[in-house]
Amino acid sequence: MICLPHTCRVFILLSTVLLGAFTVPAYVHEAGQFNRSSENFGQDPVDLENVTICYNSMDSRPADVVKLAIDTCGKFGKTAHFERQSYLICPLAAPIAAEYACM
């Protein structure tokens, strides 16, 4: 690609800003959390059998994902046990789902 010096600088700056805007820290995925017809809408869970952590490997370290799962299960007096990973649950900004059982 051939471009004028000013155009190249603008393109590089814009690319850097856009790439930085898509960083997403690991978070707990709550299926149906925006479903207003759900009986549990807007309420904190009373018990938790499993937890799904959505993350992007570019933005989150494995230790951060594990800690989030341990802390989430720990709120209910349980320990997190890794079950599997999936690419079919979480959105594109954080495409990897780490699924844990809370025991």
PDB file of N, CA and C in Angstrom:
ATOM      1  N   MET A   1       0.845  -1.171   0.000  1.00  0.00           N
ATOM      2  CA  MET A   1       0.000   0.000   0.000  1.00  0.00           C
ATOM      3  C   MET A   1       0.889   1.233   0.000  1.00  0.00           C
ATOM      4  N   ILE A   2       0.643   2.095  -0.920  1.00  0.00           N
ATOM      5  CA  ILE A   2       1.392   3.343  -1.018  1.00  0.00           C
ATOM      6  C   ILE A   2       0.472   4.463  -0.551  1.00  0.00           C
ATOM      7  N   CYS A   3       0.986   5.280   0.370  1.00  0.00           N
ATOM      8  CA  CYS A   3       0.176   6.392   0.861  1.00  0.00           C
ATOM      9  C   CYS A   3       1.077   7.580   1.144  1.00  0.00           C
ATOM     10  N   LEU A   4       0.470   8.720   1.213  1.00  0.00           N
ATOM     11  CA  LEU A   4       1.195   9.930   1.544  1.00  0.00           C
ATOM     12  C   LEU A   4       1.585   9.883   3.016  1.00  0.00           C
ATOM     13  N   PRO A   5       2.696  10.523   3.414  1.00  0.00           N
ATOM     14  CA  PRO A   5       3.146  10.453   4.806  1.00  0.00           C
ATOM     15  C   PRO A   5       2.075  10.855   5.814  1.00  0.00           C
ATOM     16  N   HIS A   6       1.343  11.896   5.550  1.00  0.00           N
ATOM     17  CA  HIS A   6       0.301  12.348   6.478  1.00  0.00           C
ATOM     18  C   HIS A   6      -0.827  11.309   6.571  1.00  0.00           C
ATOM     19  N   THR A   7      -1.224  10.749   5.444  1.00  0.00           N
ATOM     20  CA  THR A   7      -2.293   9.760   5.405  1.00  0.00           C
ATOM     21  C   THR A   7      -1.889   8.502   6.168  1.00  0.00           C
ATOM     22  N   CYS A   8      -0.651   8.077   6.016  1.00  0.00           N
ATOM     23  CA  CYS A   8      -0.165   6.897   6.735  1.00  0.00           C
ATOM     24  C   CYS A   8      -0.186   7.121   8.245  1.00  0.00           C
ATOM     25  N   ARG A   9       0.235   8.288   8.682  1.00  0.00           N
ATOM     26  CA  ARG A   9       0.227   8.591  10.118  1.00  0.00           C
ATOM     27  C   ARG A   9      -1.195   8.555  10.677  1.00  0.00           C
ATOM     28  N   VAL A  10      -2.133   9.134   9.957  1.00  0.00           N
ATOM     29  CA  VAL A  10      -3.524   9.144  10.399  1.00  0.00           C
ATOM     30  C   VAL A  10      -4.060   7.714  10.450  1.00  0.00           C
ATOM     31  N   PHE A  11      -3.753   6.917   9.442  1.00  0.00           N
ATOM     32  CA  PHE A  11      -4.213   5.529   9.401  1.00  0.00           C
ATOM     33  C   PHE A  11      -3.637   4.729  10.573  1.00  0.00           C
ATOM     34  N   ILE A  12      -2.365   4.883  10.861  1.00  0.00           N
ATOM     35  CA  ILE A  12      -1.724   4.169  11.964  1.00  0.00           C
ATOM     36  C   ILE A  12      -2.309   4.615  13.302  1.00  0.00           C
ATOM     37  N   LEU A  13      -2.493   5.902  13.483  1.00  0.00           N
ATOM     38  CA  LEU A  13      -3.073   6.419  14.722  1.00  0.00           C
ATOM     39  C   LEU A  13      -4.500   5.915  14.914  1.00  0.00           C
ATOM     40  N   LEU A  14      -5.301   5.964  13.867  1.00  0.00           N
ATOM     41  CA  LEU A  14      -6.682   5.488  13.932  1.00  0.00           C
ATOM     42  C   LEU A  14      -6.738   3.986  14.225  1.00  0.00           C
ATOM     43  N   SER A  15      -5.866   3.216  13.601  1.00  0.00           N
ATOM     44  CA  SER A  15      -5.812   1.770  13.840  1.00  0.00           C
ATOM     45  C   SER A  15      -5.454   1.471  15.286  1.00  0.00           C
ATOM     46  N   THR A  16      -4.502   2.192  15.834  1.00  0.00           N
ATOM     47  CA  THR A  16      -4.090   1.996  17.222  1.00  0.00           C
ATOM     48  C   THR A  16      -5.225   2.315  18.185  1.00  0.00           C
ATOM     49  N   VAL A  17      -5.919   3.405  17.937  1.00  0.00           N
ATOM     50  CA  VAL A  17      -7.038   3.798  18.801  1.00  0.00           C
ATOM     51  C   VAL A  17      -8.164   2.765  18.728  1.00  0.00           C
ATOM     52  N   LEU A  18      -8.495   2.312  17.539  1.00  0.00           N
ATOM     53  CA  LEU A  18      -9.569   1.332  17.385  1.00  0.00           C
ATOM     54  C   LEU A  18      -9.222  -0.001  18.023  1.00  0.00           C
ATOM     55  N   LEU A  19      -7.990  -0.455  17.863  1.00  0.00           N
ATOM     56  CA  LEU A  19      -7.590  -1.718  18.482  1.00  0.00           C
ATOM     57  C   LEU A  19      -7.609  -1.610  20.000  1.00  0.00           C
ATOM     58  N   GLY A  20      -7.228  -0.484  20.530  1.00  0.00           N
ATOM     59  CA  GLY A  20      -7.242  -0.281  21.977  1.00  0.00           C
ATOM     60  C   GLY A  20      -8.647  -0.176  22.542  1.00  0.00           C
ATOM     61  N   ALA A  21      -9.598   0.217  21.720  1.00  0.00           N
ATOM     62  CA  ALA A  21     -10.978   0.374  22.180  1.00  0.00           C
ATOM     63  C   ALA A  21     -11.668  -0.965  22.392  1.00  0.00           C
ATOM     64  N   PHE A  22     -11.127  -2.037  21.850  1.00  0.00           N
ATOM     65  CA  PHE A  22     -11.778  -3.334  21.944  1.00  0.00           C
ATOM     66  C   PHE A  22     -11.191  -4.236  23.013  1.00  0.00           C
ATOM     67  N   THR A  23     -10.451  -3.696  23.950  1.00  0.00           N
ATOM     68  CA  THR A  23      -9.942  -4.531  25.039  1.00  0.00           C
ATOM     69  C   THR A  23     -11.060  -4.768  26.046  1.00  0.00           C
ATOM     70  N   VAL A  24     -11.246  -6.023  26.390  1.00  0.00           N
ATOM     71  CA  VAL A  24     -12.315  -6.405  27.308  1.00  0.00           C
ATOM     72  C   VAL A  24     -11.709  -7.289  28.394  1.00  0.00           C
ATOM     73  N   PRO A  25     -11.807  -6.882  29.651  1.00  0.00           N
ATOM     74  CA  PRO A  25     -11.300  -7.746  30.714  1.00  0.00           C
ATOM     75  C   PRO A  25     -12.207  -8.967  30.879  1.00  0.00           C
ATOM     76  N   ALA A  26     -11.687 -10.021  31.475  1.00  0.00           N
ATOM     77  CA  ALA A  26     -12.480 -11.223  31.722  1.00  0.00           C
ATOM     78  C   ALA A  26     -13.679 -10.866  32.596  1.00  0.00           C
ATOM     79  N   TYR A  27     -14.816 -11.497  32.316  1.00  0.00           N
ATOM     80  CA  TYR A  27     -16.020 -11.220  33.101  1.00  0.00           C
ATOM     81  C   TYR A  27     -16.871 -12.478  33.203  1.00  0.00           C
ATOM     82  N   VAL A  28     -17.780 -12.486  34.174  1.00  0.00           N
ATOM     83  CA  VAL A  28     -18.699 -13.601  34.370  1.00  0.00           C
ATOM     84  C   VAL A  28     -19.863 -13.450  33.399  1.00  0.00           C
ATOM     85  N   HIS A  29     -20.074 -14.468  32.598  1.00  0.00           N
ATOM     86  CA  HIS A  29     -21.180 -14.475  31.635  1.00  0.00           C
ATOM     87  C   HIS A  29     -22.449 -14.942  32.342  1.00  0.00           C
ATOM     88  N   GLU A  30     -23.493 -14.142  32.230  1.00  0.00           N
ATOM     89  CA  GLU A  30     -24.782 -14.490  32.827  1.00  0.00           C
ATOM     90  C   GLU A  30     -25.792 -14.652  31.698  1.00  0.00           C
ATOM     91  N   ALA A  31     -26.081 -15.892  31.337  1.00  0.00           N
ATOM     92  CA  ALA A  31     -27.012 -16.167  30.252  1.00  0.00           C
ATOM     93  C   ALA A  31     -28.381 -15.583  30.585  1.00  0.00           C
ATOM     94  N   GLY A  32     -28.954 -14.862  29.649  1.00  0.00           N
ATOM     95  CA  GLY A  32     -30.293 -14.305  29.828  1.00  0.00           C
ATOM     96  C   GLY A  32     -30.377 -13.148  30.796  1.00  0.00           C
ATOM     97  N   GLN A  33     -29.265 -12.506  31.123  1.00  0.00           N
ATOM     98  CA  GLN A  33     -29.313 -11.430  32.108  1.00  0.00           C
ATOM     99  C   GLN A  33     -30.132 -10.230  31.640  1.00  0.00           C
ATOM    100  N   PHE A  34     -30.371 -10.115  30.348  1.00  0.00           N
ATOM    101  CA  PHE A  34     -31.159  -8.999  29.836  1.00  0.00           C
ATOM    102  C   PHE A  34     -32.582  -9.417  29.469  1.00  0.00           C
ATOM    103  N   ASN A  35     -32.965 -10.637  29.810  1.00  0.00           N
ATOM    104  CA  ASN A  35     -34.301 -11.141  29.534  1.00  0.00           C
ATOM    105  C   ASN A  35     -35.246 -10.679  30.638  1.00  0.00           C
ATOM    106  N   ARG A  36     -36.015  -9.644  30.377  1.00  0.00           N
ATOM    107  CA  ARG A  36     -36.883  -9.051  31.390  1.00  0.00           C
ATOM    108  C   ARG A  36     -38.023  -9.974  31.815  1.00  0.00           C
ATOM    109  N   SER A  37     -38.332 -10.980  31.013  1.00  0.00           N
ATOM    110  CA  SER A  37     -39.413 -11.893  31.383  1.00  0.00           C
ATOM    111  C   SER A  37     -38.928 -13.037  32.279  1.00  0.00           C
ATOM    112  N   SER A  38     -37.640 -13.102  32.534  1.00  0.00           N
ATOM    113  CA  SER A  38     -37.095 -14.133  33.416  1.00  0.00           C
ATOM    114  C   SER A  38     -37.509 -13.864  34.859  1.00  0.00           C
ATOM    115  N   GLU A  39     -37.822 -14.916  35.601  1.00  0.00           N
ATOM    116  CA  GLU A  39     -38.236 -14.737  37.001  1.00  0.00           C
ATOM    117  C   GLU A  39     -37.105 -14.230  37.884  1.00  0.00           C
ATOM    118  N   ASN A  40     -35.851 -14.393  37.452  1.00  0.00           N
ATOM    119  CA  ASN A  40     -34.696 -13.947  38.238  1.00  0.00           C
ATOM    120  C   ASN A  40     -34.101 -12.643  37.719  1.00  0.00           C
ATOM    121  N   PHE A  41     -34.805 -11.946  36.831  1.00  0.00           N
ATOM    122  CA  PHE A  41     -34.270 -10.724  36.230  1.00  0.00           C
ATOM    123  C   PHE A  41     -33.935  -9.688  37.302  1.00  0.00           C
ATOM    124  N   GLY A  42     -32.724  -9.188  37.256  1.00  0.00           N
ATOM    125  CA  GLY A  42     -32.294  -8.128  38.158  1.00  0.00           C
ATOM    126  C   GLY A  42     -32.012  -8.561  39.579  1.00  0.00           C
ATOM    127  N   GLN A  43     -32.017  -9.857  39.847  1.00  0.00           N
ATOM    128  CA  GLN A  43     -31.766 -10.344  41.198  1.00  0.00           C
ATOM    129  C   GLN A  43     -30.420 -11.063  41.251  1.00  0.00           C
ATOM    130  N   ASP A  44     -29.766 -10.973  42.392  1.00  0.00           N
ATOM    131  CA  ASP A  44     -28.524 -11.705  42.592  1.00  0.00           C
ATOM    132  C   ASP A  44     -28.850 -13.180  42.797  1.00  0.00           C
ATOM    133  N   PRO A  45     -28.017 -14.078  42.275  1.00  0.00           N
ATOM    134  CA  PRO A  45     -28.281 -15.503  42.465  1.00  0.00           C
ATOM    135  C   PRO A  45     -28.169 -15.919  43.930  1.00  0.00           C
ATOM    136  N   VAL A  46     -28.990 -16.882  44.327  1.00  0.00           N
ATOM    137  CA  VAL A  46     -28.980 -17.403  45.684  1.00  0.00           C
ATOM    138  C   VAL A  46     -27.965 -18.544  45.796  1.00  0.00           C
ATOM    139  N   ASP A  47     -27.805 -19.302  44.711  1.00  0.00           N
ATOM    140  CA  ASP A  47     -26.869 -20.421  44.660  1.00  0.00           C
ATOM    141  C   ASP A  47     -26.300 -20.473  43.249  1.00  0.00           C
ATOM    142  N   LEU A  48     -25.167 -21.131  43.096  1.00  0.00           N
ATOM    143  CA  LEU A  48     -24.522 -21.204  41.791  1.00  0.00           C
ATOM    144  C   LEU A  48     -23.968 -22.605  41.589  1.00  0.00           C
ATOM    145  N   GLU A  49     -24.391 -23.264  40.512  1.00  0.00           N
ATOM    146  CA  GLU A  49     -23.893 -24.602  40.214  1.00  0.00           C
ATOM    147  C   GLU A  49     -22.717 -24.561  39.258  1.00  0.00           C
ATOM    148  N   ASN A  50     -22.705 -23.555  38.384  1.00  0.00           N
ATOM    149  CA  ASN A  50     -21.580 -23.409  37.461  1.00  0.00           C
ATOM    150  C   ASN A  50     -21.399 -21.943  37.110  1.00  0.00           C
ATOM    151  N   VAL A  51     -20.234 -21.639  36.595  1.00  0.00           N
ATOM    152  CA  VAL A  51     -19.917 -20.271  36.212  1.00  0.00           C
ATOM    153  C   VAL A  51     -19.170 -20.311  34.883  1.00  0.00           C
ATOM    154  N   THR A  52     -19.502 -19.361  34.021  1.00  0.00           N
ATOM    155  CA  THR A  52     -18.831 -19.236  32.733  1.00  0.00           C
ATOM    156  C   THR A  52     -18.106 -17.900  32.709  1.00  0.00           C
ATOM    157  N   ILE A  53     -16.815 -17.942  32.427  1.00  0.00           N
ATOM    158  CA  ILE A  53     -15.991 -16.734  32.342  1.00  0.00           C
ATOM    159  C   ILE A  53     -15.692 -16.470  30.871  1.00  0.00           C
ATOM    160  N   CYS A  54     -16.054 -15.298  30.377  1.00  0.00           N
ATOM    161  CA  CYS A  54     -15.745 -14.895  29.009  1.00  0.00           C
ATOM    162  C   CYS A  54     -14.465 -14.069  29.032  1.00  0.00           C
ATOM    163  N   TYR A  55     -13.574 -14.372  28.091  1.00  0.00           N
ATOM    164  CA  TYR A  55     -12.320 -13.623  28.045  1.00  0.00           C
ATOM    165  C   TYR A  55     -11.713 -13.648  26.659  1.00  0.00           C
ATOM    166  N   ASN A  56     -10.763 -12.777  26.471  1.00  0.00           N
ATOM    167  CA  ASN A  56      -9.983 -12.686  25.250  1.00  0.00           C
ATOM    168  C   ASN A  56      -8.543 -12.969  25.649  1.00  0.00           C
ATOM    169  N   SER A  57      -7.895 -13.902  24.996  1.00  0.00           N
ATOM    170  CA  SER A  57      -6.534 -14.286  25.387  1.00  0.00           C
ATOM    171  C   SER A  57      -5.517 -13.160  25.198  1.00  0.00           C
ATOM    172  N   MET A  58      -5.856 -12.146  24.445  1.00  0.00           N
ATOM    173  CA  MET A  58      -4.950 -11.008  24.264  1.00  0.00           C
ATOM    174  C   MET A  58      -5.034 -10.043  25.454  1.00  0.00           C
ATOM    175  N   ASP A  59      -6.174 -10.023  26.151  1.00  0.00           N
ATOM    176  CA  ASP A  59      -6.393  -9.053  27.215  1.00  0.00           C
ATOM    177  C   ASP A  59      -6.359  -9.643  28.617  1.00  0.00           C
ATOM    178  N   SER A  60      -6.513 -10.954  28.741  1.00  0.00           N
ATOM    179  CA  SER A  60      -6.598 -11.578  30.059  1.00  0.00           C
ATOM    180  C   SER A  60      -5.566 -12.689  30.210  1.00  0.00           C
ATOM    181  N   ARG A  61      -4.993 -12.766  31.383  1.00  0.00           N
ATOM    182  CA  ARG A  61      -4.060 -13.841  31.687  1.00  0.00           C
ATOM    183  C   ARG A  61      -4.854 -15.030  32.226  1.00  0.00           C
ATOM    184  N   PRO A  62      -4.370 -16.251  32.051  1.00  0.00           N
ATOM    185  CA  PRO A  62      -5.062 -17.416  32.601  1.00  0.00           C
ATOM    186  C   PRO A  62      -5.300 -17.299  34.108  1.00  0.00           C
ATOM    187  N   ALA A  63      -4.352 -16.730  34.819  1.00  0.00           N
ATOM    188  CA  ALA A  63      -4.504 -16.571  36.276  1.00  0.00           C
ATOM    189  C   ALA A  63      -5.684 -15.661  36.614  1.00  0.00           C
ATOM    190  N   ASP A  64      -5.941 -14.645  35.783  1.00  0.00           N
ATOM    191  CA  ASP A  64      -7.075 -13.749  36.013  1.00  0.00           C
ATOM    192  C   ASP A  64      -8.404 -14.486  35.833  1.00  0.00           C
ATOM    193  N   VAL A  65      -8.463 -15.353  34.831  1.00  0.00           N
ATOM    194  CA  VAL A  65      -9.679 -16.114  34.557  1.00  0.00           C
ATOM    195  C   VAL A  65      -9.958 -17.078  35.705  1.00  0.00           C
ATOM    196  N   VAL A  66      -8.921 -17.788  36.141  1.00  0.00           N
ATOM    197  CA  VAL A  66      -9.069 -18.744  37.247  1.00  0.00           C
ATOM    198  C   VAL A  66      -9.477 -18.021  38.526  1.00  0.00           C
ATOM    199  N   LYS A  67      -8.854 -16.890  38.814  1.00  0.00           N
ATOM    200  CA  LYS A  67      -9.179 -16.137  40.025  1.00  0.00           C
ATOM    201  C   LYS A  67     -10.630 -15.672  40.008  1.00  0.00           C
ATOM    202  N   LEU A  68     -11.104 -15.215  38.869  1.00  0.00           N
ATOM    203  CA  LEU A  68     -12.487 -14.772  38.761  1.00  0.00           C
ATOM    204  C   LEU A  68     -13.453 -15.932  39.015  1.00  0.00           C
ATOM    205  N   ALA A  69     -13.140 -17.098  38.493  1.00  0.00           N
ATOM    206  CA  ALA A  69     -13.988 -18.274  38.726  1.00  0.00           C
ATOM    207  C   ALA A  69     -13.955 -18.677  40.195  1.00  0.00           C
ATOM    208  N   ILE A  70     -12.775 -18.686  40.797  1.00  0.00           N
ATOM    209  CA  ILE A  70     -12.644 -19.040  42.222  1.00  0.00           C
ATOM    210  C   ILE A  70     -13.413 -18.051  43.094  1.00  0.00           C
ATOM    211  N   ASP A  71     -13.263 -16.766  42.809  1.00  0.00           N
ATOM    212  CA  ASP A  71     -13.960 -15.739  43.592  1.00  0.00           C
ATOM    213  C   ASP A  71     -15.475 -15.835  43.440  1.00  0.00           C
ATOM    214  N   THR A  72     -15.941 -16.110  42.230  1.00  0.00           N
ATOM    215  CA  THR A  72     -17.383 -16.191  41.986  1.00  0.00           C
ATOM    216  C   THR A  72     -17.986 -17.393  42.701  1.00  0.00           C
ATOM    217  N   CYS A  73     -17.362 -18.553  42.571  1.00  0.00           N
ATOM    218  CA  CYS A  73     -17.866 -19.743  43.274  1.00  0.00           C
ATOM    219  C   CYS A  73     -17.702 -19.579  44.783  1.00  0.00           C
ATOM    220  N   GLY A  74     -16.639 -18.896  45.204  1.00  0.00           N
ATOM    221  CA  GLY A  74     -16.371 -18.689  46.615  1.00  0.00           C
ATOM    222  C   GLY A  74     -17.440 -17.876  47.321  1.00  0.00           C
ATOM    223  N   LYS A  75     -18.165 -17.025  46.609  1.00  0.00           N
ATOM    224  CA  LYS A  75     -19.248 -16.243  47.201  1.00  0.00           C
ATOM    225  C   LYS A  75     -20.351 -17.141  47.756  1.00  0.00           C
ATOM    226  N   PHE A  76     -20.392 -18.372  47.266  1.00  0.00           N
ATOM    227  CA  PHE A  76     -21.422 -19.320  47.694  1.00  0.00           C
ATOM    228  C   PHE A  76     -20.820 -20.477  48.499  1.00  0.00           C
ATOM    229  N   GLY A  77     -19.589 -20.286  48.973  1.00  0.00           N
ATOM    230  CA  GLY A  77     -18.926 -21.303  49.775  1.00  0.00           C
ATOM    231  C   GLY A  77     -18.517 -22.529  48.980  1.00  0.00           C
ATOM    232  N   LYS A  78     -18.267 -22.351  47.686  1.00  0.00           N
ATOM    233  CA  LYS A  78     -17.918 -23.470  46.819  1.00  0.00           C
ATOM    234  C   LYS A  78     -16.560 -23.231  46.166  1.00  0.00           C
ATOM    235  N   THR A  79     -15.995 -24.294  45.597  1.00  0.00           N
ATOM    236  CA  THR A  79     -14.737 -24.180  44.872  1.00  0.00           C
ATOM    237  C   THR A  79     -14.995 -24.395  43.385  1.00  0.00           C
ATOM    238  N   ALA A  80     -14.190 -23.750  42.564  1.00  0.00           N
ATOM    239  CA  ALA A  80     -14.345 -23.835  41.111  1.00  0.00           C
ATOM    240  C   ALA A  80     -13.506 -24.980  40.561  1.00  0.00           C
ATOM    241  N   HIS A  81     -14.115 -25.787  39.703  1.00  0.00           N
ATOM    242  CA  HIS A  81     -13.435 -26.896  39.033  1.00  0.00           C
ATOM    243  C   HIS A  81     -13.632 -26.728  37.527  1.00  0.00           C
ATOM    244  N   PHE A  82     -12.518 -26.616  36.807  1.00  0.00           N
ATOM    245  CA  PHE A  82     -12.585 -26.403  35.357  1.00  0.00           C
ATOM    246  C   PHE A  82     -13.247 -27.596  34.675  1.00  0.00           C
ATOM    247  N   GLU A  83     -14.162 -27.292  33.733  1.00  0.00           N
ATOM    248  CA  GLU A  83     -14.829 -28.341  32.963  1.00  0.00           C
ATOM    249  C   GLU A  83     -14.424 -28.335  31.501  1.00  0.00           C
ATOM    250  N   ARG A  84     -14.527 -27.173  30.846  1.00  0.00           N
ATOM    251  CA  ARG A  84     -14.209 -27.116  29.412  1.00  0.00           C
ATOM    252  C   ARG A  84     -14.129 -25.661  28.934  1.00  0.00           C
ATOM    253  N   GLN A  85     -13.642 -25.521  27.702  1.00  0.00           N
ATOM    254  CA  GLN A  85     -13.641 -24.234  27.016  1.00  0.00           C
ATOM    255  C   GLN A  85     -14.570 -24.333  25.821  1.00  0.00           C
ATOM    256  N   SER A  86     -15.133 -23.206  25.425  1.00  0.00           N
ATOM    257  CA  SER A  86     -16.027 -23.175  24.282  1.00  0.00           C
ATOM    258  C   SER A  86     -15.866 -21.843  23.555  1.00  0.00           C
ATOM    259  N   TYR A  87     -16.131 -21.874  22.263  1.00  0.00           N
ATOM    260  CA  TYR A  87     -16.135 -20.651  21.462  1.00  0.00           C
ATOM    261  C   TYR A  87     -17.545 -20.323  20.979  1.00  0.00           C
ATOM    262  N   LEU A  88     -18.566 -20.940  21.573  1.00  0.00           N
ATOM    263  CA  LEU A  88     -19.937 -20.785  21.103  1.00  0.00           C
ATOM    264  C   LEU A  88     -20.830 -19.999  22.051  1.00  0.00           C
ATOM    265  N   ILE A  89     -20.298 -19.513  23.166  1.00  0.00           N
ATOM    266  CA  ILE A  89     -21.139 -18.880  24.194  1.00  0.00           C
ATOM    267  C   ILE A  89     -20.951 -17.366  24.248  1.00  0.00           C
ATOM    268  N   CYS A  90     -19.727 -16.923  24.278  1.00  0.00           N
ATOM    269  CA  CYS A  90     -19.407 -15.508  24.528  1.00  0.00           C
ATOM    270  C   CYS A  90     -19.376 -14.682  23.241  1.00  0.00           C
ATOM    271  N   PRO A  91     -19.510 -13.349  23.371  1.00  0.00           N
ATOM    272  CA  PRO A  91     -19.475 -12.467  22.197  1.00  0.00           C
ATOM    273  C   PRO A  91     -18.070 -12.343  21.612  1.00  0.00           C
ATOM    274  N   LEU A  92     -17.978 -11.764  20.443  1.00  0.00           N
ATOM    275  CA  LEU A  92     -16.732 -11.687  19.694  1.00  0.00           C
ATOM    276  C   LEU A  92     -15.630 -10.915  20.413  1.00  0.00           C
ATOM    277  N   ALA A  93     -15.962  -9.919  21.208  1.00  0.00           N
ATOM    278  CA  ALA A  93     -14.942  -9.130  21.912  1.00  0.00           C
ATOM    279  C   ALA A  93     -14.214  -9.951  22.963  1.00  0.00           C
ATOM    280  N   ALA A  94     -14.867 -10.960  23.506  1.00  0.00           N
ATOM    281  CA  ALA A  94     -14.265 -11.881  24.488  1.00  0.00           C
ATOM    282  C   ALA A  94     -14.745 -13.282  24.113  1.00  0.00           C
ATOM    283  N   PRO A  95     -14.192 -13.877  23.048  1.00  0.00           N
ATOM    284  CA  PRO A  95     -14.791 -15.066  22.441  1.00  0.00           C
ATOM    285  C   PRO A  95     -14.593 -16.401  23.156  1.00  0.00           C
ATOM    286  N   ILE A  96     -13.704 -16.458  24.125  1.00  0.00           N
ATOM    287  CA  ILE A  96     -13.421 -17.732  24.780  1.00  0.00           C
ATOM    288  C   ILE A  96     -14.230 -17.843  26.067  1.00  0.00           C
ATOM    289  N   ALA A  97     -14.940 -18.955  26.210  1.00  0.00           N
ATOM    290  CA  ALA A  97     -15.709 -19.225  27.426  1.00  0.00           C
ATOM    291  C   ALA A  97     -15.021 -20.337  28.198  1.00  0.00           C
ATOM    292  N   ALA A  98     -14.624 -20.040  29.432  1.00  0.00           N
ATOM    293  CA  ALA A  98     -14.076 -21.049  30.322  1.00  0.00           C
ATOM    294  C   ALA A  98     -15.202 -21.430  31.271  1.00  0.00           C
ATOM    295  N   GLU A  99     -15.609 -22.698  31.220  1.00  0.00           N
ATOM    296  CA  GLU A  99     -16.737 -23.149  32.029  1.00  0.00           C
ATOM    297  C   GLU A  99     -16.222 -23.918  33.245  1.00  0.00           C
ATOM    298  N   TYR A 100     -16.729 -23.534  34.413  1.00  0.00           N
ATOM    299  CA  TYR A 100     -16.339 -24.128  35.690  1.00  0.00           C
ATOM    300  C   TYR A 100     -17.580 -24.639  36.418  1.00  0.00           C
ATOM    301  N   ALA A 101     -17.412 -25.744  37.130  1.00  0.00           N
ATOM    302  CA  ALA A 101     -18.461 -26.231  38.030  1.00  0.00           C
ATOM    303  C   ALA A 101     -18.154 -25.701  39.416  1.00  0.00           C
ATOM    304  N   CYS A 102     -19.172 -25.221  40.119  1.00  0.00           N
ATOM    305  CA  CYS A 102     -19.001 -24.756  41.492  1.00  0.00           C
ATOM    306  C   CYS A 102     -19.419 -25.913  42.416  1.00  0.00           C
ATOM    307  N   MET A 103     -18.458 -26.477  43.131  1.00  0.00           N
ATOM    308  CA  MET A 103     -18.739 -27.635  44.001  1.00  0.00           C
ATOM    309  C   MET A 103     -18.444 -27.312  45.448  1.00  0.00           C
TER     310      MET A 103
END
